[in-house]
Amino acid sequence: MTRRLAPSIATCLVAALASIASGADAPYAVIDTTDWNKVEAYAAPVTIASIDGQDYLSESRRTITPGKHTLEFVTTRMVRTSKIRQTRSIELDAKPCTTYYFYAKHPSKFAEEWELKLLRETEIKSCTK
């Protein structure tokens, strides 16, 4: 390794470590769709279709930065013989260190219509604000 190259590598390593350290302490929010089971009659799971236009094919949990986001969800409930693939969108101003739990609410057992519901918000205790 040449002497001219060594300081450049050291500078890159320090910058990389600094960004990792600052990212670990940065506040975040979580979108979670896994806790829908015993909510109410005709509740069903949703999955994350996209966040701010970026596709997340069928993810059930995603970490996001605090602030305003456009979230799109898909219900996966079976109706008769096929799955519904209708999406619902919501604008969310995510608070730091908060988990948001979402699910689908259908009006009846066979209804294809559905409404996106926020089950609850919880504080993320391991997150630093």
C-alpha atoms as a PDB file:
ATOM      1  CA  MET A   1       0.000   0.000   0.000  1.00  0.00           C
ATOM      2  CA  THR A   2       1.381   3.429  -0.859  1.00  0.00           C
ATOM      3  CA  ARG A   3       1.665   6.195   1.696  1.00  0.00           C
ATOM      4  CA  ARG A   4      -0.675   8.429  -0.311  1.00  0.00           C
ATOM      5  CA  LEU A   5      -3.422   5.803  -0.232  1.00  0.00           C
ATOM      6  CA  ALA A   6      -3.235   5.057   3.529  1.00  0.00           C
ATOM      7  CA  PRO A   7      -4.662   8.425   4.734  1.00  0.00           C
ATOM      8  CA  SER A   8      -7.558   8.138   2.260  1.00  0.00           C
ATOM      9  CA  ILE A   9      -8.483   4.699   3.538  1.00  0.00           C
ATOM     10  CA  ALA A  10      -8.263   5.873   7.144  1.00  0.00           C
ATOM     11  CA  THR A  11     -10.498   8.862   6.365  1.00  0.00           C
ATOM     12  CA  CYS A  12     -13.083   6.606   4.696  1.00  0.00           C
ATOM     13  CA  LEU A  13     -13.079   4.213   7.658  1.00  0.00           C
ATOM     14  CA  VAL A  14     -13.577   7.018  10.163  1.00  0.00           C
ATOM     15  CA  ALA A  15     -16.445   8.462   8.090  1.00  0.00           C
ATOM     16  CA  ALA A  16     -18.097   5.055   7.763  1.00  0.00           C
ATOM     17  CA  LEU A  17     -17.846   4.358  11.490  1.00  0.00           C
ATOM     18  CA  ALA A  18     -19.226   7.797  12.308  1.00  0.00           C
ATOM     19  CA  SER A  19     -22.259   7.278  10.069  1.00  0.00           C
ATOM     20  CA  ILE A  20     -22.936   3.854  11.578  1.00  0.00           C
ATOM     21  CA  ALA A  21     -22.672   5.256  15.097  1.00  0.00           C
ATOM     22  CA  SER A  22     -24.966   8.192  14.359  1.00  0.00           C
ATOM     23  CA  GLY A  23     -27.501   5.954  12.573  1.00  0.00           C
ATOM     24  CA  ALA A  24     -27.726   3.580  15.532  1.00  0.00           C
ATOM     25  CA  ASP A  25     -28.726   6.435  17.832  1.00  0.00           C
ATOM     26  CA  ALA A  26     -31.128   8.132  15.426  1.00  0.00           C
ATOM     27  CA  PRO A  27     -34.812   7.930  16.347  1.00  0.00           C
ATOM     28  CA  TYR A  28     -37.035   5.783  14.136  1.00  0.00           C
ATOM     29  CA  ALA A  29     -40.611   4.533  13.809  1.00  0.00           C
ATOM     30  CA  VAL A  30     -41.964   1.089  12.910  1.00  0.00           C
ATOM     31  CA  ILE A  31     -44.928   0.031  10.783  1.00  0.00           C
ATOM     32  CA  ASP A  32     -46.197  -3.386  11.934  1.00  0.00           C
ATOM     33  CA  THR A  33     -49.056  -5.487  10.555  1.00  0.00           C
ATOM     34  CA  THR A  34     -48.601  -8.677  12.591  1.00  0.00           C
ATOM     35  CA  ASP A  35     -50.928  -8.043  15.572  1.00  0.00           C
ATOM     36  CA  TRP A  36     -54.447  -8.267  14.136  1.00  0.00           C
ATOM     37  CA  ASN A  37     -55.758 -11.681  15.266  1.00  0.00           C
ATOM     38  CA  LYS A  38     -58.150 -10.952  18.116  1.00  0.00           C
ATOM     39  CA  VAL A  39     -59.057  -7.371  17.350  1.00  0.00           C
ATOM     40  CA  GLU A  40     -62.694  -7.626  16.236  1.00  0.00           C
ATOM     41  CA  ALA A  41     -64.999  -9.644  13.981  1.00  0.00           C
ATOM     42  CA  TYR A  42     -63.983  -9.752  10.329  1.00  0.00           C
ATOM     43  CA  ALA A  43     -60.521  -8.361  10.994  1.00  0.00           C
ATOM     44  CA  ALA A  44     -57.847  -9.484   8.571  1.00  0.00           C
ATOM     45  CA  PRO A  45     -54.135  -9.006   8.056  1.00  0.00           C
ATOM     46  CA  VAL A  46     -52.621  -6.409   5.781  1.00  0.00           C
ATOM     47  CA  THR A  47     -49.159  -6.247   4.313  1.00  0.00           C
ATOM     48  CA  ILE A  48     -47.119  -3.216   3.355  1.00  0.00           C
ATOM     49  CA  ALA A  49     -47.395  -2.584  -0.390  1.00  0.00           C
ATOM     50  CA  SER A  50     -45.340   0.625  -0.498  1.00  0.00           C
ATOM     51  CA  ILE A  51     -43.947   3.473   1.566  1.00  0.00           C
ATOM     52  CA  ASP A  52     -43.534   6.833  -0.155  1.00  0.00           C
ATOM     53  CA  GLY A  53     -43.887   5.110  -3.522  1.00  0.00           C
ATOM     54  CA  GLN A  54     -41.166   2.528  -2.890  1.00  0.00           C
ATOM     55  CA  ASP A  55     -42.497  -1.024  -3.217  1.00  0.00           C
ATOM     56  CA  TYR A  56     -42.222  -3.459  -0.321  1.00  0.00           C
ATOM     57  CA  LEU A  57     -43.843  -6.607  -1.629  1.00  0.00           C
ATOM     58  CA  SER A  58     -45.860  -8.132   1.169  1.00  0.00           C
ATOM     59  CA  GLU A  59     -43.684  -7.055   4.096  1.00  0.00           C
ATOM     60  CA  SER A  60     -45.335  -7.133   7.494  1.00  0.00           C
ATOM     61  CA  ARG A  61     -42.877  -4.926   9.406  1.00  0.00           C
ATOM     62  CA  ARG A  62     -40.765  -1.981   8.288  1.00  0.00           C
ATOM     63  CA  THR A  63     -38.634   0.647  10.030  1.00  0.00           C
ATOM     64  CA  ILE A  64     -39.055   4.223   8.782  1.00  0.00           C
ATOM     65  CA  THR A  65     -37.725   7.653   9.655  1.00  0.00           C
ATOM     66  CA  PRO A  66     -39.964   9.909  11.741  1.00  0.00           C
ATOM     67  CA  GLY A  67     -41.989  12.417   9.747  1.00  0.00           C
ATOM     68  CA  LYS A  68     -44.623  12.414   7.008  1.00  0.00           C
ATOM     69  CA  HIS A  69     -45.026   9.290   4.884  1.00  0.00           C
ATOM     70  CA  THR A  70     -47.539   7.861   2.435  1.00  0.00           C
ATOM     71  CA  LEU A  71     -48.204   4.226   3.344  1.00  0.00           C
ATOM     72  CA  GLU A  72     -50.031   1.780   1.100  1.00  0.00           C
ATOM     73  CA  PHE A  73     -51.368  -1.550   2.381  1.00  0.00           C
ATOM     74  CA  VAL A  74     -52.925  -4.653   0.812  1.00  0.00           C
ATOM     75  CA  THR A  75     -55.336  -7.006   2.565  1.00  0.00           C
ATOM     76  CA  THR A  76     -54.694 -10.692   2.056  1.00  0.00           C
ATOM     77  CA  ARG A  77     -57.993 -12.047   3.378  1.00  0.00           C
ATOM     78  CA  MET A  78     -59.525 -14.884   1.387  1.00  0.00           C
ATOM     79  CA  VAL A  79     -62.945 -14.153  -0.098  1.00  0.00           C
ATOM     80  CA  ARG A  80     -64.748 -17.081  -1.647  1.00  0.00           C
ATOM     81  CA  THR A  81     -62.058 -18.648  -3.829  1.00  0.00           C
ATOM     82  CA  SER A  82     -59.677 -15.774  -4.495  1.00  0.00           C
ATOM     83  CA  LYS A  83     -57.567 -13.348  -2.529  1.00  0.00           C
ATOM     84  CA  ILE A  84     -58.479  -9.684  -2.528  1.00  0.00           C
ATOM     85  CA  ARG A  85     -55.663  -7.454  -3.709  1.00  0.00           C
ATOM     86  CA  GLN A  86     -57.203  -4.030  -3.117  1.00  0.00           C
ATOM     87  CA  THR A  87     -54.898  -1.384  -1.692  1.00  0.00           C
ATOM     88  CA  ARG A  88     -55.604   1.357   0.833  1.00  0.00           C
ATOM     89  CA  SER A  89     -53.374   4.372   1.456  1.00  0.00           C
ATOM     90  CA  ILE A  90     -52.883   6.594   4.457  1.00  0.00           C
ATOM     91  CA  GLU A  91     -50.821   9.685   5.197  1.00  0.00           C
ATOM     92  CA  LEU A  92     -48.945   9.219   8.465  1.00  0.00           C
ATOM     93  CA  ASP A  93     -46.865  11.749  10.391  1.00  0.00           C
ATOM     94  CA  ALA A  94     -44.752   9.167  12.208  1.00  0.00           C
ATOM     95  CA  LYS A  95     -43.614  10.143  15.686  1.00  0.00           C
ATOM     96  CA  PRO A  96     -40.082   9.166  16.750  1.00  0.00           C
ATOM     97  CA  CYS A  97     -39.725   5.930  18.721  1.00  0.00           C
ATOM     98  CA  THR A  98     -43.275   4.742  17.964  1.00  0.00           C
ATOM     99  CA  THR A  99     -44.635   1.505  16.508  1.00  0.00           C
ATOM    100  CA  TYR A 100     -47.881   1.690  14.513  1.00  0.00           C
ATOM    101  CA  TYR A 101     -50.004  -1.482  14.194  1.00  0.00           C
ATOM    102  CA  PHE A 102     -52.409  -1.726  11.223  1.00  0.00           C
ATOM    103  CA  TYR A 103     -55.073  -4.231  10.114  1.00  0.00           C
ATOM    104  CA  ALA A 104     -58.013  -4.560   7.711  1.00  0.00           C
ATOM    105  CA  LYS A 105     -61.647  -4.387   8.842  1.00  0.00           C
ATOM    106  CA  HIS A 106     -64.182  -6.042   6.531  1.00  0.00           C
ATOM    107  CA  PRO A 107     -67.918  -5.378   7.108  1.00  0.00           C
ATOM    108  CA  SER A 108     -68.842  -9.081   6.851  1.00  0.00           C
ATOM    109  CA  LYS A 109     -67.404 -12.525   6.258  1.00  0.00           C
ATOM    110  CA  PHE A 110     -67.822 -12.380   2.479  1.00  0.00           C
ATOM    111  CA  ALA A 111     -67.440  -8.647   1.835  1.00  0.00           C
ATOM    112  CA  GLU A 112     -64.698  -7.628  -0.528  1.00  0.00           C
ATOM    113  CA  GLU A 113     -64.730  -4.017   0.707  1.00  0.00           C
ATOM    114  CA  TRP A 114     -62.448  -3.172   3.598  1.00  0.00           C
ATOM    115  CA  GLU A 115     -61.208  -0.311   5.686  1.00  0.00           C
ATOM    116  CA  LEU A 116     -57.642   0.239   6.911  1.00  0.00           C
ATOM    117  CA  LYS A 117     -57.530   0.576  10.700  1.00  0.00           C
ATOM    118  CA  LEU A 118     -54.835   1.651  13.121  1.00  0.00           C
ATOM    119  CA  LEU A 119     -54.982  -0.789  16.026  1.00  0.00           C
ATOM    120  CA  ARG A 120     -52.660   1.129  18.330  1.00  0.00           C
ATOM    121  CA  GLU A 121     -49.443   3.060  18.758  1.00  0.00           C
ATOM    122  CA  THR A 122     -46.786   1.936  21.240  1.00  0.00           C
ATOM    123  CA  GLU A 123     -43.567   3.482  22.431  1.00  0.00           C
ATOM    124  CA  ILE A 124     -40.313   1.782  21.426  1.00  0.00           C
ATOM    125  CA  LYS A 125     -38.433   1.745  24.726  1.00  0.00           C
ATOM    126  CA  SER A 126     -35.022   0.880  23.222  1.00  0.00           C
ATOM    127  CA  CYS A 127     -35.190   3.861  20.851  1.00  0.00           C
ATOM    128  CA  THR A 128     -33.478   7.139  21.759  1.00  0.00           C
ATOM    129  CA  LYS A 129     -35.297  10.363  20.916  1.00  0.00           C
END
